[in-house]
Amino acid sequence: MTNLYIPICGFFCALLLIILFFTKSHVDNKETRIFKLMLIASFIDSILMISIIFIAYKWKEQEVILKLLNKLDYTQFIIWIWSLFMYIAYITHNEKHSQEIYKKIYKITFFLNFILICFVYVLPVKLYNQGNIMYSYGQSSNLMYFVCGIYVVLSLIFLIFNFKKIISKKCIPFFVFVTMAIFVMILRTIKPEIVIITAVIAYVDLIMYFTIENPDMKMIQQLELAKNQAEKANRAKSD
């Protein structure tokens, strides 16, 4: 049960971000909507991972439930990595002349995601559960990893073709994720019993919380603008 420690830490990190984000007033824009989806996917992913590990240790014979939970977990991870990709697509196509491209990217990838997630539930998944080592593999798992890899590559392509965007602090969460994903793959080959990916995506969300354009500051700026306009209108009336 020691394998639960890291996923539980990821759960509390995701829960804290959910509370902070949804209890504070913020401007509703594309960045915050994408971030909201990432938070929800990360939170559900952490709950699913804790459930999978707990059931795998307590009731090993419940393979049907474990396979379903793993496929639900794959779904959340696809949604999360797609959201991160859409965030990169947005910050590299947020100029007026590029907004139509962004909309097309969104529509195409949204439709493809629906099809791919359907395949995740159709394709088989296998479980390895011996001693302290528990993981899932198979065609469903491979499809999830393939989709994640494609989104990472596409994100890198967008950044390469928009080189000036790379130095932006908004790209930090993506590069942190790529670095930590490589670390996770290496760690899994050495210590397959360690489940760390849930904590990784929660940590990336945490970094993103502090690097996205501050919605509170946007709201303050809008209030200041409205205040200045009202004062100008009052002076004009007085004159």
C-alpha atoms as a PDB file:
ATOM      1  CA  MET A   1       0.000   0.000   0.000  1.00  0.00           C
ATOM      2  CA  THR A   2       3.037   2.284   0.103  1.00  0.00           C
ATOM      3  CA  ASN A   3       2.417   2.895  -3.624  1.00  0.00           C
ATOM      4  CA  LEU A   4      -0.553   5.015  -2.591  1.00  0.00           C
ATOM      5  CA  TYR A   5       1.586   7.747  -1.001  1.00  0.00           C
ATOM      6  CA  ILE A   6       2.523   9.573  -4.214  1.00  0.00           C
ATOM      7  CA  PRO A   7      -0.969   9.345  -5.830  1.00  0.00           C
ATOM      8  CA  ILE A   8      -2.503  10.630  -2.579  1.00  0.00           C
ATOM      9  CA  CYS A   9      -0.099  13.584  -2.645  1.00  0.00           C
ATOM     10  CA  GLY A  10      -1.177  14.201  -6.232  1.00  0.00           C
ATOM     11  CA  PHE A  11      -4.822  14.043  -5.152  1.00  0.00           C
ATOM     12  CA  PHE A  12      -4.398  16.668  -2.440  1.00  0.00           C
ATOM     13  CA  CYS A  13      -2.462  18.913  -4.829  1.00  0.00           C
ATOM     14  CA  ALA A  14      -5.237  18.590  -7.439  1.00  0.00           C
ATOM     15  CA  LEU A  15      -7.904  19.158  -4.766  1.00  0.00           C
ATOM     16  CA  LEU A  16      -6.165  22.302  -3.507  1.00  0.00           C
ATOM     17  CA  LEU A  17      -5.973  23.723  -7.032  1.00  0.00           C
ATOM     18  CA  ILE A  18      -9.643  22.913  -7.646  1.00  0.00           C
ATOM     19  CA  ILE A  19     -10.613  24.761  -4.448  1.00  0.00           C
ATOM     20  CA  LEU A  20      -8.368  27.758  -5.202  1.00  0.00           C
ATOM     21  CA  PHE A  21      -9.534  28.095  -8.785  1.00  0.00           C
ATOM     22  CA  PHE A  22     -13.271  27.638  -8.307  1.00  0.00           C
ATOM     23  CA  THR A  23     -13.589  29.720  -5.139  1.00  0.00           C
ATOM     24  CA  LYS A  24     -11.896  32.787  -6.604  1.00  0.00           C
ATOM     25  CA  SER A  25     -13.406  35.156  -9.125  1.00  0.00           C
ATOM     26  CA  HIS A  26     -11.698  35.052 -12.484  1.00  0.00           C
ATOM     27  CA  VAL A  27     -12.207  36.227 -16.029  1.00  0.00           C
ATOM     28  CA  ASP A  28     -13.761  33.635 -18.311  1.00  0.00           C
ATOM     29  CA  ASN A  29     -11.456  33.368 -21.335  1.00  0.00           C
ATOM     30  CA  LYS A  30      -9.949  30.572 -23.433  1.00  0.00           C
ATOM     31  CA  GLU A  31      -6.899  30.171 -21.183  1.00  0.00           C
ATOM     32  CA  THR A  32      -8.930  29.793 -17.995  1.00  0.00           C
ATOM     33  CA  ARG A  33     -11.426  27.446 -19.693  1.00  0.00           C
ATOM     34  CA  ILE A  34      -8.614  25.182 -20.885  1.00  0.00           C
ATOM     35  CA  PHE A  35      -7.002  25.296 -17.461  1.00  0.00           C
ATOM     36  CA  LYS A  36     -10.345  24.451 -15.832  1.00  0.00           C
ATOM     37  CA  LEU A  37     -10.618  21.300 -17.960  1.00  0.00           C
ATOM     38  CA  MET A  38      -7.057  20.310 -17.050  1.00  0.00           C
ATOM     39  CA  LEU A  39      -7.809  20.712 -13.346  1.00  0.00           C
ATOM     40  CA  ILE A  40     -10.947  18.580 -13.540  1.00  0.00           C
ATOM     41  CA  ALA A  41      -9.191  15.849 -15.566  1.00  0.00           C
ATOM     42  CA  SER A  42      -6.254  15.817 -13.130  1.00  0.00           C
ATOM     43  CA  PHE A  43      -8.557  15.620 -10.116  1.00  0.00           C
ATOM     44  CA  ILE A  44     -10.568  12.710 -11.560  1.00  0.00           C
ATOM     45  CA  ASP A  45      -7.355  10.999 -12.652  1.00  0.00           C
ATOM     46  CA  SER A  46      -5.972  11.135  -9.096  1.00  0.00           C
ATOM     47  CA  ILE A  47      -9.179   9.611  -7.678  1.00  0.00           C
ATOM     48  CA  LEU A  48      -9.137   6.841 -10.294  1.00  0.00           C
ATOM     49  CA  MET A  49      -5.473   6.030  -9.691  1.00  0.00           C
ATOM     50  CA  ILE A  50      -5.955   5.770  -5.923  1.00  0.00           C
ATOM     51  CA  SER A  51      -8.996   3.538  -6.500  1.00  0.00           C
ATOM     52  CA  ILE A  52      -7.090   1.309  -8.941  1.00  0.00           C
ATOM     53  CA  ILE A  53      -4.147   0.788  -6.582  1.00  0.00           C
ATOM     54  CA  PHE A  54      -6.383   0.192  -3.564  1.00  0.00           C
ATOM     55  CA  ILE A  55      -8.611  -2.349  -5.350  1.00  0.00           C
ATOM     56  CA  ALA A  56      -5.591  -4.057  -6.920  1.00  0.00           C
ATOM     57  CA  TYR A  57      -4.127  -4.678  -3.458  1.00  0.00           C
ATOM     58  CA  LYS A  58      -7.350  -5.565  -1.645  1.00  0.00           C
ATOM     59  CA  TRP A  59      -9.338  -7.413  -4.318  1.00  0.00           C
ATOM     60  CA  LYS A  60      -7.002  -8.733  -6.990  1.00  0.00           C
ATOM     61  CA  GLU A  61      -9.742 -10.908  -8.479  1.00  0.00           C
ATOM     62  CA  GLN A  62     -11.802  -7.857  -9.531  1.00  0.00           C
ATOM     63  CA  GLU A  63     -10.191  -7.672 -12.962  1.00  0.00           C
ATOM     64  CA  VAL A  64     -13.297  -6.418 -14.767  1.00  0.00           C
ATOM     65  CA  ILE A  65     -13.571  -3.399 -12.450  1.00  0.00           C
ATOM     66  CA  LEU A  66      -9.826  -2.750 -12.603  1.00  0.00           C
ATOM     67  CA  LYS A  67      -9.805  -2.836 -16.400  1.00  0.00           C
ATOM     68  CA  LEU A  68     -12.734  -0.415 -16.570  1.00  0.00           C
ATOM     69  CA  LEU A  69     -11.087   1.954 -14.083  1.00  0.00           C
ATOM     70  CA  ASN A  70      -7.858   1.856 -16.081  1.00  0.00           C
ATOM     71  CA  LYS A  71      -9.720   2.764 -19.269  1.00  0.00           C
ATOM     72  CA  LEU A  72     -11.456   5.619 -17.453  1.00  0.00           C
ATOM     73  CA  ASP A  73      -8.029   6.747 -16.298  1.00  0.00           C
ATOM     74  CA  TYR A  74      -6.705   6.617 -19.884  1.00  0.00           C
ATOM     75  CA  THR A  75      -9.639   8.819 -20.903  1.00  0.00           C
ATOM     76  CA  GLN A  76      -8.797  11.459 -18.308  1.00  0.00           C
ATOM     77  CA  PHE A  77      -5.157  11.488 -19.321  1.00  0.00           C
ATOM     78  CA  ILE A  78      -6.056  11.911 -23.003  1.00  0.00           C
ATOM     79  CA  ILE A  79      -8.338  14.810 -22.062  1.00  0.00           C
ATOM     80  CA  TRP A  80      -5.579  16.368 -19.946  1.00  0.00           C
ATOM     81  CA  ILE A  81      -2.829  16.076 -22.561  1.00  0.00           C
ATOM     82  CA  TRP A  82      -5.222  17.316 -25.256  1.00  0.00           C
ATOM     83  CA  SER A  83      -6.028  20.329 -23.071  1.00  0.00           C
ATOM     84  CA  LEU A  84      -2.320  21.064 -22.666  1.00  0.00           C
ATOM     85  CA  PHE A  85      -1.929  20.788 -26.447  1.00  0.00           C
ATOM     86  CA  MET A  86      -4.870  23.157 -27.008  1.00  0.00           C
ATOM     87  CA  TYR A  87      -3.272  25.595 -24.570  1.00  0.00           C
ATOM     88  CA  ILE A  88      -0.065  25.565 -26.626  1.00  0.00           C
ATOM     89  CA  ALA A  89      -2.137  25.872 -29.821  1.00  0.00           C
ATOM     90  CA  TYR A  90      -3.935  28.883 -28.360  1.00  0.00           C
ATOM     91  CA  ILE A  91      -0.872  30.807 -27.190  1.00  0.00           C
ATOM     92  CA  THR A  92       0.763  30.220 -30.592  1.00  0.00           C
ATOM     93  CA  HIS A  93      -2.377  31.154 -32.566  1.00  0.00           C
ATOM     94  CA  ASN A  94      -3.943  33.913 -30.456  1.00  0.00           C
ATOM     95  CA  GLU A  95      -3.361  36.690 -32.992  1.00  0.00           C
ATOM     96  CA  LYS A  96      -6.410  37.786 -34.968  1.00  0.00           C
ATOM     97  CA  HIS A  97      -5.167  36.299 -38.235  1.00  0.00           C
ATOM     98  CA  SER A  98      -4.512  32.931 -36.530  1.00  0.00           C
ATOM     99  CA  GLN A  99      -7.716  32.543 -34.547  1.00  0.00           C
ATOM    100  CA  GLU A 100      -9.501  30.726 -37.386  1.00  0.00           C
ATOM    101  CA  ILE A 101      -6.642  28.210 -37.484  1.00  0.00           C
ATOM    102  CA  TYR A 102      -7.044  27.637 -33.754  1.00  0.00           C
ATOM    103  CA  LYS A 103     -10.787  27.030 -34.163  1.00  0.00           C
ATOM    104  CA  LYS A 104     -10.141  24.476 -36.913  1.00  0.00           C
ATOM    105  CA  ILE A 105      -7.524  22.720 -34.761  1.00  0.00           C
ATOM    106  CA  TYR A 106     -10.024  22.563 -31.905  1.00  0.00           C
ATOM    107  CA  LYS A 107     -12.820  21.094 -34.033  1.00  0.00           C
ATOM    108  CA  ILE A 108     -10.603  18.495 -35.711  1.00  0.00           C
ATOM    109  CA  THR A 109      -8.893  17.310 -32.518  1.00  0.00           C
ATOM    110  CA  PHE A 110     -12.168  17.291 -30.553  1.00  0.00           C
ATOM    111  CA  PHE A 111     -13.725  14.961 -33.131  1.00  0.00           C
ATOM    112  CA  LEU A 112     -10.606  12.758 -33.244  1.00  0.00           C
ATOM    113  CA  ASN A 113     -10.530  12.572 -29.451  1.00  0.00           C
ATOM    114  CA  PHE A 114     -14.087  11.268 -29.394  1.00  0.00           C
ATOM    115  CA  ILE A 115     -13.183   8.486 -31.845  1.00  0.00           C
ATOM    116  CA  LEU A 116      -9.920   7.615 -30.077  1.00  0.00           C
ATOM    117  CA  ILE A 117     -11.559   7.469 -26.653  1.00  0.00           C
ATOM    118  CA  CYS A 118     -14.173   5.097 -28.090  1.00  0.00           C
ATOM    119  CA  PHE A 119     -11.310   2.880 -29.276  1.00  0.00           C
ATOM    120  CA  VAL A 120      -9.788   3.006 -25.784  1.00  0.00           C
ATOM    121  CA  TYR A 121     -12.907   1.286 -24.438  1.00  0.00           C
ATOM    122  CA  VAL A 122     -13.125  -1.200 -27.323  1.00  0.00           C
ATOM    123  CA  LEU A 123      -9.492  -2.333 -27.363  1.00  0.00           C
ATOM    124  CA  PRO A 124      -8.330  -4.851 -24.734  1.00  0.00           C
ATOM    125  CA  VAL A 125      -6.249  -3.994 -21.689  1.00  0.00           C
ATOM    126  CA  LYS A 126      -4.228  -6.431 -19.573  1.00  0.00           C
ATOM    127  CA  LEU A 127      -3.190  -6.239 -15.933  1.00  0.00           C
ATOM    128  CA  TYR A 128       0.022  -7.215 -14.184  1.00  0.00           C
ATOM    129  CA  ASN A 129      -0.462  -7.496 -10.452  1.00  0.00           C
ATOM    130  CA  GLN A 130       2.246  -9.404  -8.602  1.00  0.00           C
ATOM    131  CA  GLY A 131       3.602  -8.430  -5.196  1.00  0.00           C
ATOM    132  CA  ASN A 132       4.131  -4.667  -5.035  1.00  0.00           C
ATOM    133  CA  ILE A 133       4.185  -4.293  -8.820  1.00  0.00           C
ATOM    134  CA  MET A 134       0.919  -3.384 -10.525  1.00  0.00           C
ATOM    135  CA  TYR A 135       0.457  -1.854 -13.959  1.00  0.00           C
ATOM    136  CA  SER A 136      -1.744  -2.126 -17.031  1.00  0.00           C
ATOM    137  CA  TYR A 137      -0.684  -2.761 -20.610  1.00  0.00           C
ATOM    138  CA  GLY A 138      -2.108  -3.837 -23.937  1.00  0.00           C
ATOM    139  CA  GLN A 139      -3.617  -2.238 -27.028  1.00  0.00           C
ATOM    140  CA  SER A 140      -5.806   0.214 -25.101  1.00  0.00           C
ATOM    141  CA  SER A 141      -2.816   1.394 -23.074  1.00  0.00           C
ATOM    142  CA  ASN A 142      -0.637   1.637 -26.188  1.00  0.00           C
ATOM    143  CA  LEU A 143      -3.254   3.781 -27.916  1.00  0.00           C
ATOM    144  CA  MET A 144      -3.294   6.184 -24.969  1.00  0.00           C
ATOM    145  CA  TYR A 145       0.498   6.523 -25.026  1.00  0.00           C
ATOM    146  CA  PHE A 146       0.429   6.985 -28.815  1.00  0.00           C
ATOM    147  CA  VAL A 147      -2.151   9.784 -28.563  1.00  0.00           C
ATOM    148  CA  CYS A 148      -0.137  11.513 -25.831  1.00  0.00           C
ATOM    149  CA  GLY A 149       3.020  11.269 -27.923  1.00  0.00           C
ATOM    150  CA  ILE A 150       1.273  12.766 -30.961  1.00  0.00           C
ATOM    151  CA  TYR A 151       0.005  15.730 -28.935  1.00  0.00           C
ATOM    152  CA  VAL A 152       3.464  16.363 -27.485  1.00  0.00           C
ATOM    153  CA  VAL A 153       5.029  16.290 -30.972  1.00  0.00           C
ATOM    154  CA  LEU A 154       2.358  18.620 -32.392  1.00  0.00           C
ATOM    155  CA  SER A 155       2.894  21.022 -29.485  1.00  0.00           C
ATOM    156  CA  LEU A 156       6.630  21.070 -30.181  1.00  0.00           C
ATOM    157  CA  ILE A 157       5.963  21.748 -33.874  1.00  0.00           C
ATOM    158  CA  PHE A 158       3.741  24.723 -33.014  1.00  0.00           C
ATOM    159  CA  LEU A 159       6.424  26.105 -30.721  1.00  0.00           C
ATOM    160  CA  ILE A 160       9.189  25.607 -33.275  1.00  0.00           C
ATOM    161  CA  PHE A 161       7.202  27.481 -35.938  1.00  0.00           C
ATOM    162  CA  ASN A 162       6.474  30.205 -33.381  1.00  0.00           C
ATOM    163  CA  PHE A 163       9.971  30.380 -31.920  1.00  0.00           C
ATOM    164  CA  LYS A 164       9.393  33.691 -30.146  1.00  0.00           C
ATOM    165  CA  LYS A 165       6.673  32.042 -28.040  1.00  0.00           C
ATOM    166  CA  ILE A 166       9.160  29.583 -26.524  1.00  0.00           C
ATOM    167  CA  ILE A 167      10.690  32.256 -24.288  1.00  0.00           C
ATOM    168  CA  SER A 168       7.243  33.051 -22.871  1.00  0.00           C
ATOM    169  CA  LYS A 169       6.597  31.908 -19.305  1.00  0.00           C
ATOM    170  CA  LYS A 170       3.366  30.356 -20.582  1.00  0.00           C
ATOM    171  CA  CYS A 171       5.412  27.566 -22.188  1.00  0.00           C
ATOM    172  CA  ILE A 172       7.017  26.555 -18.886  1.00  0.00           C
ATOM    173  CA  PRO A 173       4.294  24.006 -17.907  1.00  0.00           C
ATOM    174  CA  PHE A 174       4.686  22.184 -21.240  1.00  0.00           C
ATOM    175  CA  PHE A 175       8.465  21.864 -20.974  1.00  0.00           C
ATOM    176  CA  VAL A 176       8.170  20.809 -17.330  1.00  0.00           C
ATOM    177  CA  PHE A 177       5.722  18.099 -18.375  1.00  0.00           C
ATOM    178  CA  VAL A 178       8.002  16.818 -21.161  1.00  0.00           C
ATOM    179  CA  THR A 179      11.002  16.728 -18.807  1.00  0.00           C
ATOM    180  CA  MET A 180       9.092  14.966 -16.044  1.00  0.00           C
ATOM    181  CA  ALA A 181       7.455  12.535 -18.503  1.00  0.00           C
ATOM    182  CA  ILE A 182      10.916  11.419 -19.624  1.00  0.00           C
ATOM    183  CA  PHE A 183      11.898  11.029 -15.969  1.00  0.00           C
ATOM    184  CA  VAL A 184       8.748   8.950 -15.305  1.00  0.00           C
ATOM    185  CA  MET A 185       9.505   6.604 -18.219  1.00  0.00           C
ATOM    186  CA  ILE A 186      13.047   6.052 -16.949  1.00  0.00           C
ATOM    187  CA  LEU A 187      11.831   5.549 -13.382  1.00  0.00           C
ATOM    188  CA  ARG A 188       9.181   3.020 -14.487  1.00  0.00           C
ATOM    189  CA  THR A 189      11.870   0.869 -16.104  1.00  0.00           C
ATOM    190  CA  ILE A 190      13.854   0.848 -12.851  1.00  0.00           C
ATOM    191  CA  LYS A 191      11.020   0.858 -10.295  1.00  0.00           C
ATOM    192  CA  PRO A 192       7.792  -0.236 -12.051  1.00  0.00           C
ATOM    193  CA  GLU A 193       5.919  -0.336  -8.746  1.00  0.00           C
ATOM    194  CA  ILE A 194       6.187   3.460  -8.331  1.00  0.00           C
ATOM    195  CA  VAL A 195       3.125   5.300  -9.652  1.00  0.00           C
ATOM    196  CA  ILE A 196       4.064   8.941 -10.121  1.00  0.00           C
ATOM    197  CA  ILE A 197       2.291  10.198 -13.260  1.00  0.00           C
ATOM    198  CA  THR A 198      -0.767  11.397 -11.291  1.00  0.00           C
ATOM    199  CA  ALA A 199       1.433  13.597  -9.114  1.00  0.00           C
ATOM    200  CA  VAL A 200       3.291  14.842 -12.209  1.00  0.00           C
ATOM    201  CA  ILE A 201       0.199  16.202 -13.962  1.00  0.00           C
ATOM    202  CA  ALA A 202      -1.021  17.758 -10.694  1.00  0.00           C
ATOM    203  CA  TYR A 203       2.386  19.434 -10.330  1.00  0.00           C
ATOM    204  CA  VAL A 204       2.238  20.712 -13.921  1.00  0.00           C
ATOM    205  CA  ASP A 205      -1.211  22.147 -13.145  1.00  0.00           C
ATOM    206  CA  LEU A 206       0.271  23.845 -10.092  1.00  0.00           C
ATOM    207  CA  ILE A 207       2.997  25.480 -12.196  1.00  0.00           C
ATOM    208  CA  MET A 208       0.455  26.481 -14.799  1.00  0.00           C
ATOM    209  CA  TYR A 209      -1.682  28.130 -12.109  1.00  0.00           C
ATOM    210  CA  PHE A 210       1.162  30.582 -11.494  1.00  0.00           C
ATOM    211  CA  THR A 211       2.254  31.031 -15.112  1.00  0.00           C
ATOM    212  CA  ILE A 212      -0.999  31.586 -17.010  1.00  0.00           C
ATOM    213  CA  GLU A 213      -1.988  35.206 -17.451  1.00  0.00           C
ATOM    214  CA  ASN A 214      -3.334  36.102 -14.035  1.00  0.00           C
ATOM    215  CA  PRO A 215      -7.150  36.243 -14.350  1.00  0.00           C
ATOM    216  CA  ASP A 216      -7.410  38.294 -11.144  1.00  0.00           C
ATOM    217  CA  MET A 217      -5.087  40.927 -12.577  1.00  0.00           C
ATOM    218  CA  LYS A 218      -7.159  40.984 -15.748  1.00  0.00           C
ATOM    219  CA  MET A 219     -10.269  41.621 -13.695  1.00  0.00           C
ATOM    220  CA  ILE A 220      -8.540  44.441 -11.798  1.00  0.00           C
ATOM    221  CA  GLN A 221      -7.427  46.013 -15.079  1.00  0.00           C
ATOM    222  CA  GLN A 222     -10.966  45.817 -16.460  1.00  0.00           C
ATOM    223  CA  LEU A 223     -12.368  47.400 -13.305  1.00  0.00           C
ATOM    224  CA  GLU A 224      -9.759  50.156 -13.475  1.00  0.00           C
ATOM    225  CA  LEU A 225     -10.634  50.766 -17.125  1.00  0.00           C
ATOM    226  CA  ALA A 226     -14.351  50.904 -16.326  1.00  0.00           C
ATOM    227  CA  LYS A 227     -13.652  53.261 -13.404  1.00  0.00           C
ATOM    228  CA  ASN A 228     -11.573  55.590 -15.588  1.00  0.00           C
ATOM    229  CA  GLN A 229     -14.250  55.636 -18.279  1.00  0.00           C
ATOM    230  CA  ALA A 230     -16.946  56.447 -15.686  1.00  0.00           C
ATOM    231  CA  GLU A 231     -14.834  59.274 -14.266  1.00  0.00           C
ATOM    232  CA  LYS A 232     -14.295  60.706 -17.754  1.00  0.00           C
ATOM    233  CA  ALA A 233     -18.027  60.522 -18.437  1.00  0.00           C
ATOM    234  CA  ASN A 234     -18.782  62.314 -15.138  1.00  0.00           C
ATOM    235  CA  ARG A 235     -16.253  65.066 -15.913  1.00  0.00           C
ATOM    236  CA  ALA A 236     -17.730  65.476 -19.377  1.00  0.00           C
ATOM    237  CA  LYS A 237     -21.193  65.895 -17.870  1.00  0.00           C
ATOM    238  CA  SER A 238     -19.909  68.386 -15.326  1.00  0.00           C
ATOM    239  CA  ASP A 239     -18.198  70.433 -18.023  1.00  0.00           C
END
